[in-house]
Amino acid sequence: MKNFKTNIKTKKIKYQYLFFLLSAFFLSGCSAKPNEPISKSGTYFDTIITVTLYDSSDEQKLDDCMNIAKEYEQLLSATVSDSDIARINSNPGEWVTVDAKTIDVVKKAIYYCNLSNGKFDITIGALTDLWNISQIAGQCNSPDNEMPESVLPDDAKIKELLAHVDYHNIEIDEKESKIKLNDPLAKLDLGGIAKGFIADQMKQYLNENDIKEGIINLGGNLLTLGPKSNGKPYQIGIQYPFDHSGKVIDQIEVKDQSVVTSGVYERYFTVNQKRYHHILSTETGYPADTDLLGVSIISQSSCDGDAISTIVLALGLKDGMAFINSLDDVEAVFITDQYELQYSNANIKK
């Protein structure tokens, strides 16, 4: 991928969420083969995930995919007390022995921290914990997610923790399989990249076992296996922002690709009619001021799409488009705050 720099210093870390009505979802993947597809769902990283296979009747392969998700959750989830990430966060300034898989994910995350000039930064965990947007949004009972002012964090505390968001404080010793976080007020949070990484691992496993047709759905991260058996692409619908009835704002076609959608409508609450979404800015420590409601990233790797969707949504349309254009083999569909669609490539919309 080409390098990209910008003067805007914005970022967000992505949480997981419980809804199976996703910001991007599979519309019509039925196989032309006579055998019925098989499917299995589970909940990992507080997200409902589903794997569907169209060219296999081997249910063990579905179980194996769920076991991959379980294994990575035990390594990467900051809320699992004995996970690698939780142990790193609990022992600042000390080398912590971790699994080689954890190092792979952290290295990939740091790559995107560098590429985005810090707009994607996995040391934001303490700040996202302070905002606690996912939990607050889950408690909202009103149609507009209106909450009292008391849920807003203290401005001084936001500024205090914001000063400690710096991925340069992460050290990795690959030879000894150890990671150290040097800042005691920082916390690692891999929520903005973990699901995509896991989806890629599932796809690799399935391909290695001669499964070439299906779809992996990890809470907004869709990864397709090959074209359908008749050679046609998968039809992917992109959710209409703030609508949970199944309405779509656009439809795209992909073959053997990933579609990752991120939006300000995924997890949010309002106070005095002002929306507070989960995409945080490293310039202010508050939800990013973006002119986008959502963005869908089309790429080969779901891990790449996961991180890129985070970066682009925080950047906004103009700088987000420039970022996409600086990358190879990555395209995007943008939904502006006026509900207008913009495309990085006219060929996306057939």
Protein backbone atom coordinates (compact mmCIF):
# COMPACT_ATOMS: atom_id res chain seq x y z
CA MET A 1 0.00 0.00 0.00
CA LYS A 2 1.15 3.54 -0.68
CA ASN A 3 2.04 5.82 2.21
CA PHE A 4 -0.38 8.53 3.33
CA LYS A 5 0.02 11.51 5.60
CA THR A 6 -2.42 14.24 6.59
CA ASN A 7 -2.51 17.18 8.96
CA ILE A 8 -5.83 16.08 10.41
CA LYS A 9 -5.23 14.05 13.58
CA THR A 10 -8.37 12.10 14.10
CA LYS A 11 -9.10 8.56 15.12
CA LYS A 12 -11.53 6.04 16.37
CA ILE A 13 -11.45 2.61 17.89
CA LYS A 14 -14.18 0.24 16.97
CA TYR A 15 -16.16 -1.66 19.56
CA GLN A 16 -18.02 -4.89 18.94
CA TYR A 17 -21.80 -4.98 19.09
CA LEU A 18 -24.58 -7.45 19.63
CA PHE A 19 -26.94 -6.81 16.76
CA PHE A 20 -27.22 -9.27 13.91
CA LEU A 21 -28.88 -6.58 11.82
CA LEU A 22 -25.57 -5.35 10.49
CA SER A 23 -24.39 -2.26 8.72
CA ALA A 24 -23.49 -4.46 5.78
CA PHE A 25 -25.27 -7.76 5.25
CA PHE A 26 -25.51 -10.63 2.82
CA LEU A 27 -28.52 -10.42 0.53
CA SER A 28 -28.50 -13.28 -1.93
CA GLY A 29 -25.78 -15.88 -1.60
CA CYS A 30 -27.77 -19.02 -2.24
CA SER A 31 -25.77 -21.58 -4.12
CA ALA A 32 -26.90 -23.00 -7.42
CA LYS A 33 -25.84 -26.43 -6.15
CA PRO A 34 -28.55 -28.89 -5.19
CA ASN A 35 -27.17 -29.47 -1.70
CA GLU A 36 -28.37 -27.20 1.06
CA PRO A 37 -25.96 -24.69 2.59
CA ILE A 38 -24.85 -25.20 6.18
CA SER A 39 -24.48 -22.41 8.71
CA LYS A 40 -23.52 -21.82 12.32
CA SER A 41 -23.59 -18.78 14.58
CA GLY A 42 -21.90 -17.87 17.84
CA THR A 43 -21.16 -14.83 20.00
CA TYR A 44 -17.58 -13.67 20.33
CA PHE A 45 -16.18 -10.21 21.10
CA ASP A 46 -19.79 -9.31 22.05
CA THR A 47 -20.72 -9.80 18.40
CA ILE A 48 -22.90 -12.38 16.72
CA ILE A 49 -20.86 -14.10 14.03
CA THR A 50 -22.15 -16.47 11.36
CA VAL A 51 -20.32 -18.72 8.94
CA THR A 52 -22.25 -20.17 5.98
CA LEU A 53 -20.82 -22.73 3.55
CA TYR A 54 -22.34 -23.51 0.16
CA ASP A 55 -20.00 -26.19 -1.14
CA SER A 56 -19.60 -28.36 1.95
CA SER A 57 -21.80 -30.40 4.25
CA ASP A 58 -19.04 -30.89 6.81
CA GLU A 59 -20.33 -29.31 10.01
CA GLN A 60 -16.98 -29.86 11.69
CA LYS A 61 -15.57 -27.09 9.52
CA LEU A 62 -18.13 -24.70 11.01
CA ASP A 63 -17.17 -25.82 14.51
CA ASP A 64 -13.53 -25.25 13.66
CA CYS A 65 -14.31 -21.69 12.54
CA MET A 66 -16.04 -21.00 15.84
CA ASN A 67 -13.04 -22.42 17.66
CA ILE A 68 -10.80 -20.00 15.76
CA ALA A 69 -12.97 -17.13 16.98
CA LYS A 70 -12.90 -18.48 20.54
CA GLU A 71 -9.13 -18.85 20.50
CA TYR A 72 -8.57 -15.28 19.34
CA GLU A 73 -11.10 -13.91 21.82
CA GLN A 74 -9.13 -15.54 24.62
CA LEU A 75 -5.98 -13.86 23.31
CA LEU A 76 -7.16 -10.42 22.19
CA SER A 77 -10.21 -9.34 24.19
CA ALA A 78 -9.37 -6.65 26.73
CA THR A 79 -12.35 -7.77 28.82
CA VAL A 80 -11.14 -11.36 29.25
CA SER A 81 -9.13 -11.08 32.45
CA ASP A 82 -6.34 -13.49 31.52
CA SER A 83 -6.09 -12.64 27.82
CA ASP A 84 -2.78 -11.50 26.40
CA ILE A 85 -4.12 -7.97 25.93
CA ALA A 86 -5.57 -7.76 29.45
CA ARG A 87 -2.25 -8.94 30.93
CA ILE A 88 -0.32 -6.34 28.93
CA ASN A 89 -2.70 -3.63 30.15
CA SER A 90 -2.36 -4.82 33.75
CA ASN A 91 1.43 -4.80 33.69
CA PRO A 92 2.54 -1.47 32.17
CA GLY A 93 6.28 -1.09 31.79
CA GLU A 94 6.84 -4.85 31.99
CA TRP A 95 7.51 -7.39 29.27
CA VAL A 96 4.58 -9.80 28.98
CA THR A 97 4.96 -13.15 27.25
CA VAL A 98 2.19 -13.59 24.68
CA ASP A 99 1.12 -15.95 21.94
CA ALA A 100 2.74 -15.46 18.53
CA LYS A 101 -0.76 -14.87 17.12
CA THR A 102 -1.16 -11.86 19.40
CA ILE A 103 2.08 -10.41 18.09
CA ASP A 104 0.84 -10.89 14.52
CA VAL A 105 -2.31 -8.87 15.23
CA VAL A 106 -0.52 -6.12 17.16
CA LYS A 107 2.07 -5.77 14.38
CA LYS A 108 -0.68 -5.43 11.80
CA ALA A 109 -2.41 -2.83 13.97
CA ILE A 110 0.79 -0.82 14.37
CA TYR A 111 1.18 -0.86 10.59
CA TYR A 112 -2.13 1.00 10.32
CA CYS A 113 -1.23 3.30 13.21
CA ASN A 114 1.79 4.35 11.16
CA LEU A 115 -0.04 4.48 7.83
CA SER A 116 -2.75 6.73 9.25
CA ASN A 117 -0.30 8.96 11.09
CA GLY A 118 -1.96 8.06 14.39
CA LYS A 119 -5.60 8.41 13.42
CA PHE A 120 -5.88 4.69 14.10
CA ASP A 121 -4.24 4.00 17.45
CA ILE A 122 -4.68 0.86 19.53
CA THR A 123 -3.51 2.58 22.74
CA ILE A 124 -6.85 4.35 23.05
CA GLY A 125 -8.35 1.75 25.37
CA ALA A 126 -8.47 3.95 28.48
CA LEU A 127 -10.27 6.72 26.60
CA THR A 128 -12.84 4.39 25.06
CA ASP A 129 -13.39 2.84 28.48
CA LEU A 130 -14.05 6.33 29.84
CA TRP A 131 -16.68 7.08 27.19
CA ASN A 132 -18.23 3.61 27.52
CA ILE A 133 -20.40 4.35 24.49
CA SER A 134 -21.36 0.76 23.67
CA GLN A 135 -22.75 0.07 27.13
CA ILE A 136 -24.54 3.41 27.39
CA ALA A 137 -26.04 3.00 23.92
CA GLY A 138 -27.28 -0.43 24.96
CA GLN A 139 -29.11 1.09 27.91
CA CYS A 140 -31.04 3.62 25.84
CA ASN A 141 -34.77 3.06 25.78
CA SER A 142 -35.91 6.14 23.86
CA PRO A 143 -36.23 6.03 20.05
CA ASP A 144 -33.56 8.72 19.67
CA ASN A 145 -31.22 7.18 22.29
CA GLU A 146 -31.56 10.28 24.48
CA MET A 147 -29.63 10.11 27.76
CA PRO A 148 -29.05 12.55 30.66
CA GLU A 149 -25.97 14.78 30.74
CA SER A 150 -24.60 12.75 33.63
CA VAL A 151 -23.44 10.03 31.20
CA LEU A 152 -20.90 12.38 29.61
CA PRO A 153 -17.34 12.00 30.88
CA ASP A 154 -15.51 14.88 32.54
CA ASP A 155 -13.68 17.11 30.08
CA ALA A 156 -10.53 17.27 32.21
CA LYS A 157 -10.38 13.48 32.41
CA ILE A 158 -10.79 13.21 28.64
CA LYS A 159 -7.83 15.55 28.10
CA GLU A 160 -5.76 13.66 30.67
CA LEU A 161 -6.23 10.30 28.99
CA LEU A 162 -5.96 11.75 25.50
CA ALA A 163 -2.36 12.72 26.23
CA HIS A 164 -1.53 9.05 26.68
CA VAL A 165 -2.86 7.79 23.34
CA ASP A 166 0.40 7.04 21.53
CA TYR A 167 1.16 3.74 19.82
CA HIS A 168 4.91 4.52 19.98
CA ASN A 169 4.72 3.33 23.60
CA ILE A 170 4.30 -0.27 22.40
CA GLU A 171 7.41 -2.44 22.22
CA ILE A 172 7.56 -5.89 20.64
CA ASP A 173 10.21 -8.58 21.11
CA GLU A 174 9.37 -11.15 18.45
CA LYS A 175 12.27 -13.44 19.33
CA GLU A 176 11.09 -13.80 22.91
CA SER A 177 7.39 -13.43 21.97
CA LYS A 178 6.87 -10.53 24.36
CA ILE A 179 5.08 -7.17 24.30
CA LYS A 180 5.52 -4.18 26.61
CA LEU A 181 3.30 -1.11 27.00
CA ASN A 182 5.42 1.65 28.48
CA ASP A 183 2.68 4.13 29.51
CA PRO A 184 0.75 3.16 32.67
CA LEU A 185 -2.21 5.37 31.68
CA ALA A 186 -2.61 3.80 28.25
CA LYS A 187 -4.49 0.63 27.40
CA LEU A 188 -4.47 -1.54 24.31
CA ASP A 189 -7.77 -2.11 22.52
CA LEU A 190 -7.77 -4.17 19.33
CA GLY A 191 -11.48 -3.73 18.68
CA GLY A 192 -10.81 -1.82 15.47
CA ILE A 193 -8.94 -4.65 13.77
CA ALA A 194 -9.49 -7.95 15.60
CA LYS A 195 -12.68 -9.06 13.84
CA GLY A 196 -11.19 -8.50 10.43
CA PHE A 197 -8.06 -10.41 11.35
CA ILE A 198 -10.13 -13.34 12.65
CA ALA A 199 -12.29 -13.39 9.52
CA ASP A 200 -9.16 -13.68 7.40
CA GLN A 201 -7.93 -16.58 9.53
CA MET A 202 -11.25 -18.38 9.07
CA LYS A 203 -11.14 -17.90 5.32
CA GLN A 204 -7.58 -19.16 5.12
CA TYR A 205 -8.54 -22.27 7.09
CA LEU A 206 -11.56 -22.96 4.88
CA ASN A 207 -9.60 -22.44 1.66
CA GLU A 208 -6.89 -24.81 2.91
CA ASN A 209 -9.63 -27.40 3.36
CA ASP A 210 -10.91 -26.95 -0.22
CA ILE A 211 -13.97 -24.90 0.74
CA LYS A 212 -14.28 -22.17 -1.86
CA GLU A 213 -17.88 -20.95 -1.64
CA GLY A 214 -19.47 -19.28 1.35
CA ILE A 215 -19.62 -16.18 3.50
CA ILE A 216 -18.11 -15.22 6.85
CA ASN A 217 -20.07 -12.59 8.75
CA LEU A 218 -18.45 -11.08 11.83
CA GLY A 219 -20.70 -8.25 12.94
CA GLY A 220 -20.29 -5.83 10.05
CA ASN A 221 -17.28 -7.60 8.55
CA LEU A 222 -18.36 -9.66 5.55
CA LEU A 223 -15.84 -11.90 3.82
CA THR A 224 -16.88 -13.91 0.77
CA LEU A 225 -15.28 -17.12 -0.42
CA GLY A 226 -14.92 -17.12 -4.20
CA PRO A 227 -17.75 -16.34 -6.57
CA LYS A 228 -20.93 -18.38 -6.29
CA SER A 229 -20.89 -21.78 -8.00
CA ASN A 230 -22.54 -20.32 -11.11
CA GLY A 231 -19.72 -17.80 -11.39
CA LYS A 232 -21.87 -14.86 -10.34
CA PRO A 233 -20.85 -12.42 -7.60
CA TYR A 234 -22.37 -12.07 -4.17
CA GLN A 235 -24.87 -9.23 -3.78
CA ILE A 236 -24.06 -7.21 -0.66
CA GLY A 237 -26.53 -4.71 0.77
CA ILE A 238 -25.40 -1.67 2.72
CA GLN A 239 -27.73 -0.67 5.54
CA TYR A 240 -29.62 2.59 5.37
CA PRO A 241 -28.20 4.63 8.30
CA PHE A 242 -30.23 4.56 11.51
CA ASP A 243 -32.70 2.09 9.98
CA HIS A 244 -32.86 -1.39 11.51
CA SER A 245 -35.72 -2.78 9.44
CA GLY A 246 -33.50 -4.25 6.74
CA LYS A 247 -33.72 -1.27 4.40
CA VAL A 248 -30.67 -0.80 2.19
CA ILE A 249 -29.23 2.39 0.76
CA ASP A 250 -27.04 0.65 -1.81
CA GLN A 251 -26.06 -2.72 -3.20
CA ILE A 252 -22.67 -3.84 -4.49
CA GLU A 253 -21.24 -6.99 -6.07
CA VAL A 254 -18.12 -8.80 -4.87
CA LYS A 255 -16.26 -12.02 -5.63
CA ASP A 256 -13.82 -13.47 -3.10
CA GLN A 257 -13.57 -10.09 -1.36
CA SER A 258 -14.27 -8.42 1.95
CA VAL A 259 -16.83 -5.71 2.65
CA VAL A 260 -16.44 -3.93 5.99
CA THR A 261 -18.90 -1.21 6.94
CA SER A 262 -18.46 1.28 9.74
CA GLY A 263 -20.96 3.99 10.64
CA VAL A 264 -21.76 6.61 13.25
CA TYR A 265 -25.18 4.95 13.58
CA GLU A 266 -23.78 1.67 14.92
CA ARG A 267 -23.27 2.66 18.56
CA TYR A 268 -24.30 6.07 19.79
CA PHE A 269 -26.39 8.00 22.26
CA THR A 270 -27.71 11.56 22.33
CA VAL A 271 -27.62 14.22 25.05
CA ASN A 272 -29.76 17.31 24.49
CA GLN A 273 -30.25 16.10 20.90
CA LYS A 274 -26.49 16.01 20.21
CA ARG A 275 -25.24 12.64 18.98
CA TYR A 276 -22.20 11.02 20.60
CA HIS A 277 -20.92 8.15 18.47
CA HIS A 278 -18.12 5.66 19.00
CA ILE A 279 -15.54 7.17 16.63
CA LEU A 280 -13.19 9.18 18.80
CA SER A 281 -10.85 11.95 17.67
CA THR A 282 -7.25 12.13 18.89
CA GLU A 283 -7.41 15.87 18.43
CA THR A 284 -10.22 16.41 20.92
CA GLY A 285 -10.88 13.09 22.66
CA TYR A 286 -14.55 13.51 21.72
CA PRO A 287 -16.50 11.73 18.97
CA ALA A 288 -15.02 12.79 15.65
CA ASP A 289 -16.68 15.62 13.76
CA THR A 290 -17.21 13.82 10.44
CA ASP A 291 -19.40 14.56 7.43
CA LEU A 292 -19.92 10.84 6.86
CA LEU A 293 -22.66 8.63 8.25
CA GLY A 294 -20.95 5.48 7.05
CA VAL A 295 -18.34 3.97 4.79
CA SER A 296 -18.04 0.49 3.26
CA ILE A 297 -14.56 -0.73 2.34
CA ILE A 298 -14.08 -3.31 -0.41
CA SER A 299 -10.75 -5.11 -0.17
CA GLN A 300 -9.15 -8.54 -0.35
CA SER A 301 -8.43 -8.66 3.37
CA SER A 302 -11.07 -8.14 6.04
CA CYS A 303 -8.34 -7.07 8.45
CA ASP A 304 -7.35 -4.28 6.08
CA GLY A 305 -10.98 -3.30 5.59
CA ASP A 306 -11.56 -3.17 9.34
CA ALA A 307 -8.76 -0.71 10.03
CA ILE A 308 -9.35 1.33 6.88
CA SER A 309 -13.05 1.81 7.61
CA THR A 310 -12.09 3.20 11.01
CA ILE A 311 -9.61 5.64 9.53
CA VAL A 312 -11.77 6.81 6.64
CA LEU A 313 -14.91 7.41 8.66
CA ALA A 314 -12.98 9.64 11.06
CA LEU A 315 -11.28 11.51 8.19
CA GLY A 316 -14.51 12.45 6.45
CA LEU A 317 -15.32 12.46 2.75
CA LYS A 318 -12.56 14.61 1.24
CA ASP A 319 -9.59 13.28 3.21
CA GLY A 320 -11.11 9.80 3.36
CA MET A 321 -11.34 9.69 -0.43
CA ALA A 322 -7.72 10.85 -0.67
CA PHE A 323 -6.69 8.11 1.73
CA ILE A 324 -8.50 5.44 -0.28
CA ASN A 325 -6.92 6.73 -3.49
CA SER A 326 -3.49 6.37 -1.89
CA LEU A 327 -4.02 2.63 -1.42
CA ASP A 328 -3.78 -0.24 -3.86
CA ASP A 329 -6.68 -2.64 -4.46
CA VAL A 330 -9.02 -0.92 -2.01
CA GLU A 331 -12.30 0.82 -2.88
CA ALA A 332 -15.00 2.51 -0.82
CA VAL A 333 -18.64 3.53 -0.80
CA PHE A 334 -19.25 6.68 1.25
CA ILE A 335 -22.57 7.75 2.77
CA THR A 336 -22.50 11.48 3.49
CA ASP A 337 -24.41 13.19 6.28
CA GLN A 338 -26.87 14.24 3.56
CA TYR A 339 -27.49 10.55 2.72
CA GLU A 340 -25.70 10.94 -0.60
CA LEU A 341 -23.58 8.13 -2.03
CA GLN A 342 -20.02 8.73 -3.24
CA TYR A 343 -17.77 6.10 -4.80
CA SER A 344 -13.98 5.84 -4.97
CA ASN A 345 -14.44 3.99 -8.26
CA ALA A 346 -17.41 4.27 -10.60
CA ASN A 347 -17.14 0.54 -11.34
CA ILE A 348 -18.24 -0.31 -7.80
CA LYS A 349 -21.82 0.42 -8.76
CA LYS A 350 -22.66 -1.88 -11.63
